[in-house]
Amino acid sequence: MRQFQIRLQSVQDVQEFVNLATTMGFPVTVSDGIHRVDGECFMEMFCLDLTHPLTVSARCTDEEFQRLYEQARRFLAS
């Protein structure tokens, strides 16, 4: 399992991240430390506490993970 942290600060950010996760072709999950949801489900994403960094997890190859990470770069938590 590979992971990185992101911040989603608006409804548009959530929508863009969900659209990105949907194109990956492998499961992407997002967690706020309490809840874990499907990164491809717009409604589930709003069950998370978006005021804190979120952890993105993926079960995929190194190459697939690198593609996800690069495409999600604008959301990375600093």
N, C-alpha and C. Protein backbone atom coordinates (compact mmCIF):
# COMPACT_ATOMS: atom_id res chain seq x y z
N MET A 1 0.86 -1.18 0.00
CA MET A 1 0.00 0.00 0.00
C MET A 1 0.90 1.23 0.00
N ARG A 2 0.61 2.12 -0.91
CA ARG A 2 1.37 3.37 -1.02
C ARG A 2 0.48 4.53 -0.58
N GLN A 3 1.09 5.55 0.03
CA GLN A 3 0.28 6.65 0.58
C GLN A 3 0.97 8.00 0.39
N PHE A 4 0.14 9.04 0.37
CA PHE A 4 0.61 10.42 0.45
C PHE A 4 -0.52 11.27 1.00
N GLN A 5 -0.21 12.50 1.41
CA GLN A 5 -1.22 13.37 2.01
C GLN A 5 -1.59 14.52 1.09
N ILE A 6 -2.89 14.85 1.13
CA ILE A 6 -3.42 15.95 0.33
C ILE A 6 -4.28 16.86 1.19
N ARG A 7 -4.60 18.02 0.65
CA ARG A 7 -5.58 18.94 1.24
C ARG A 7 -6.58 19.27 0.14
N LEU A 8 -7.86 19.16 0.49
CA LEU A 8 -8.94 19.55 -0.42
C LEU A 8 -9.68 20.69 0.26
N GLN A 9 -9.61 21.88 -0.34
CA GLN A 9 -10.09 23.06 0.34
C GLN A 9 -11.39 23.63 -0.22
N SER A 10 -11.94 22.99 -1.24
CA SER A 10 -13.19 23.48 -1.82
C SER A 10 -13.95 22.33 -2.47
N VAL A 11 -15.20 22.58 -2.78
CA VAL A 11 -16.01 21.59 -3.48
C VAL A 11 -15.37 21.28 -4.83
N GLN A 12 -14.83 22.28 -5.47
CA GLN A 12 -14.16 22.08 -6.76
C GLN A 12 -12.95 21.16 -6.60
N ASP A 13 -12.16 21.35 -5.54
CA ASP A 13 -11.03 20.46 -5.28
C ASP A 13 -11.50 19.02 -5.13
N VAL A 14 -12.57 18.81 -4.37
CA VAL A 14 -13.10 17.45 -4.18
C VAL A 14 -13.51 16.87 -5.52
N GLN A 15 -14.23 17.64 -6.31
CA GLN A 15 -14.69 17.16 -7.61
C GLN A 15 -13.51 16.81 -8.51
N GLU A 16 -12.50 17.65 -8.54
CA GLU A 16 -11.33 17.38 -9.37
C GLU A 16 -10.58 16.15 -8.90
N PHE A 17 -10.45 15.97 -7.57
CA PHE A 17 -9.76 14.79 -7.06
C PHE A 17 -10.55 13.53 -7.39
N VAL A 18 -11.86 13.55 -7.21
CA VAL A 18 -12.70 12.39 -7.53
C VAL A 18 -12.58 12.05 -9.02
N ASN A 19 -12.60 13.06 -9.88
CA ASN A 19 -12.44 12.81 -11.32
C ASN A 19 -11.10 12.16 -11.60
N LEU A 20 -10.05 12.62 -10.92
CA LEU A 20 -8.72 12.05 -11.08
C LEU A 20 -8.70 10.59 -10.62
N ALA A 21 -9.22 10.33 -9.43
CA ALA A 21 -9.23 8.97 -8.88
C ALA A 21 -10.00 8.02 -9.79
N THR A 22 -11.06 8.50 -10.40
CA THR A 22 -11.90 7.68 -11.27
C THR A 22 -11.13 7.21 -12.51
N THR A 23 -10.18 7.99 -12.96
CA THR A 23 -9.44 7.63 -14.18
C THR A 23 -8.27 6.68 -13.93
N MET A 24 -7.97 6.38 -12.68
CA MET A 24 -6.76 5.62 -12.36
C MET A 24 -6.84 4.14 -12.73
N GLY A 25 -7.99 3.51 -12.63
CA GLY A 25 -8.08 2.09 -12.98
C GLY A 25 -7.66 1.15 -11.86
N PHE A 26 -7.46 1.67 -10.66
CA PHE A 26 -7.16 0.87 -9.46
C PHE A 26 -7.80 1.58 -8.28
N PRO A 27 -8.03 0.86 -7.17
CA PRO A 27 -8.71 1.47 -6.03
C PRO A 27 -7.88 2.57 -5.36
N VAL A 28 -8.53 3.70 -5.13
CA VAL A 28 -7.93 4.83 -4.41
C VAL A 28 -8.83 5.11 -3.21
N THR A 29 -8.26 5.05 -2.02
CA THR A 29 -9.04 5.36 -0.82
C THR A 29 -8.47 6.61 -0.16
N VAL A 30 -9.33 7.31 0.56
CA VAL A 30 -8.94 8.54 1.23
C VAL A 30 -9.41 8.45 2.68
N SER A 31 -8.55 8.87 3.61
CA SER A 31 -8.85 8.78 5.03
C SER A 31 -8.51 10.09 5.73
N ASP A 32 -9.33 10.42 6.74
CA ASP A 32 -9.04 11.58 7.59
C ASP A 32 -8.50 11.14 8.94
N GLY A 33 -8.18 9.87 9.09
CA GLY A 33 -7.69 9.33 10.35
C GLY A 33 -8.78 8.62 11.13
N ILE A 34 -10.02 8.94 10.84
CA ILE A 34 -11.16 8.29 11.49
C ILE A 34 -11.98 7.52 10.46
N HIS A 35 -12.32 8.19 9.37
CA HIS A 35 -13.12 7.59 8.30
C HIS A 35 -12.24 7.27 7.10
N ARG A 36 -12.60 6.20 6.41
CA ARG A 36 -11.91 5.79 5.19
C ARG A 36 -12.97 5.64 4.11
N VAL A 37 -12.79 6.33 2.97
CA VAL A 37 -13.81 6.30 1.92
C VAL A 37 -13.19 6.02 0.56
N ASP A 38 -14.05 5.69 -0.38
CA ASP A 38 -13.66 5.45 -1.76
C ASP A 38 -13.36 6.81 -2.42
N GLY A 39 -12.15 6.98 -2.90
CA GLY A 39 -11.75 8.23 -3.52
C GLY A 39 -12.47 8.53 -4.82
N GLU A 40 -13.23 7.56 -5.33
CA GLU A 40 -13.99 7.76 -6.56
C GLU A 40 -15.43 8.17 -6.30
N CYS A 41 -15.81 8.29 -5.04
CA CYS A 41 -17.20 8.59 -4.69
C CYS A 41 -17.33 10.01 -4.13
N PHE A 42 -17.90 10.89 -4.92
CA PHE A 42 -18.04 12.30 -4.57
C PHE A 42 -18.75 12.46 -3.23
N MET A 43 -19.87 11.80 -3.03
CA MET A 43 -20.65 11.95 -1.79
C MET A 43 -19.89 11.43 -0.57
N GLU A 44 -19.21 10.31 -0.70
CA GLU A 44 -18.45 9.76 0.43
C GLU A 44 -17.34 10.70 0.87
N MET A 45 -16.76 11.43 -0.06
CA MET A 45 -15.66 12.34 0.27
C MET A 45 -16.09 13.39 1.29
N PHE A 46 -17.37 13.73 1.29
CA PHE A 46 -17.85 14.75 2.23
C PHE A 46 -18.14 14.18 3.62
N CYS A 47 -17.87 12.90 3.82
CA CYS A 47 -17.91 12.31 5.17
C CYS A 47 -16.60 12.58 5.91
N LEU A 48 -15.60 13.03 5.18
CA LEU A 48 -14.28 13.29 5.76
C LEU A 48 -14.19 14.69 6.33
N ASP A 49 -13.29 14.86 7.29
CA ASP A 49 -12.99 16.17 7.86
C ASP A 49 -12.00 16.86 6.92
N LEU A 50 -12.51 17.75 6.09
CA LEU A 50 -11.68 18.41 5.08
C LEU A 50 -10.85 19.57 5.63
N THR A 51 -10.93 19.81 6.94
CA THR A 51 -10.15 20.89 7.53
C THR A 51 -8.72 20.46 7.87
N HIS A 52 -8.43 19.17 7.71
CA HIS A 52 -7.11 18.62 8.01
C HIS A 52 -6.59 17.87 6.79
N PRO A 53 -5.29 17.60 6.74
CA PRO A 53 -4.76 16.80 5.63
C PRO A 53 -5.41 15.43 5.59
N LEU A 54 -5.57 14.91 4.39
CA LEU A 54 -6.16 13.60 4.15
C LEU A 54 -5.08 12.66 3.62
N THR A 55 -5.20 11.39 3.95
CA THR A 55 -4.24 10.40 3.47
C THR A 55 -4.84 9.64 2.30
N VAL A 56 -4.16 9.67 1.18
CA VAL A 56 -4.57 8.93 -0.01
C VAL A 56 -3.79 7.63 -0.03
N SER A 57 -4.50 6.51 -0.21
CA SER A 57 -3.87 5.19 -0.26
C SER A 57 -4.24 4.51 -1.57
N ALA A 58 -3.29 3.76 -2.11
CA ALA A 58 -3.56 3.05 -3.36
C ALA A 58 -2.82 1.72 -3.36
N ARG A 59 -3.50 0.70 -3.83
CA ARG A 59 -2.87 -0.60 -4.06
C ARG A 59 -2.64 -0.69 -5.56
N CYS A 60 -1.38 -0.47 -5.95
CA CYS A 60 -1.07 -0.41 -7.37
C CYS A 60 0.43 -0.61 -7.56
N THR A 61 0.85 -0.62 -8.79
CA THR A 61 2.27 -0.74 -9.10
C THR A 61 2.97 0.59 -8.83
N ASP A 62 4.29 0.55 -8.80
CA ASP A 62 5.07 1.78 -8.62
C ASP A 62 4.77 2.78 -9.72
N GLU A 63 4.68 2.30 -10.94
CA GLU A 63 4.41 3.18 -12.08
C GLU A 63 3.03 3.83 -11.96
N GLU A 64 2.03 3.05 -11.57
CA GLU A 64 0.68 3.59 -11.39
C GLU A 64 0.65 4.60 -10.26
N PHE A 65 1.35 4.29 -9.16
CA PHE A 65 1.39 5.21 -8.04
C PHE A 65 2.04 6.53 -8.44
N GLN A 66 3.11 6.47 -9.19
CA GLN A 66 3.80 7.68 -9.63
C GLN A 66 2.88 8.54 -10.49
N ARG A 67 2.08 7.90 -11.34
CA ARG A 67 1.13 8.64 -12.18
C ARG A 67 0.08 9.33 -11.32
N LEU A 68 -0.46 8.62 -10.33
CA LEU A 68 -1.44 9.21 -9.40
C LEU A 68 -0.82 10.38 -8.65
N TYR A 69 0.36 10.17 -8.11
CA TYR A 69 1.05 11.21 -7.32
C TYR A 69 1.29 12.46 -8.16
N GLU A 70 1.77 12.28 -9.37
CA GLU A 70 2.07 13.43 -10.25
C GLU A 70 0.79 14.19 -10.59
N GLN A 71 -0.28 13.47 -10.89
CA GLN A 71 -1.53 14.13 -11.27
C GLN A 71 -2.22 14.79 -10.07
N ALA A 72 -1.92 14.32 -8.86
CA ALA A 72 -2.51 14.90 -7.64
C ALA A 72 -1.59 15.94 -7.00
N ARG A 73 -0.49 16.26 -7.64
CA ARG A 73 0.52 17.16 -7.06
C ARG A 73 -0.08 18.48 -6.57
N ARG A 74 -1.05 19.04 -7.27
CA ARG A 74 -1.62 20.34 -6.87
C ARG A 74 -2.37 20.26 -5.53
N PHE A 75 -2.72 19.04 -5.10
CA PHE A 75 -3.44 18.87 -3.85
C PHE A 75 -2.53 18.48 -2.68
N LEU A 76 -1.25 18.28 -2.92
CA LEU A 76 -0.35 17.79 -1.87
C LEU A 76 -0.32 18.72 -0.67
N ALA A 77 -0.37 18.10 0.52
CA ALA A 77 -0.28 18.86 1.77
C ALA A 77 1.17 19.23 1.99
N SER A 78 1.42 20.47 2.39
CA SER A 78 2.81 20.87 2.60
C SER A 78 3.27 20.63 4.00
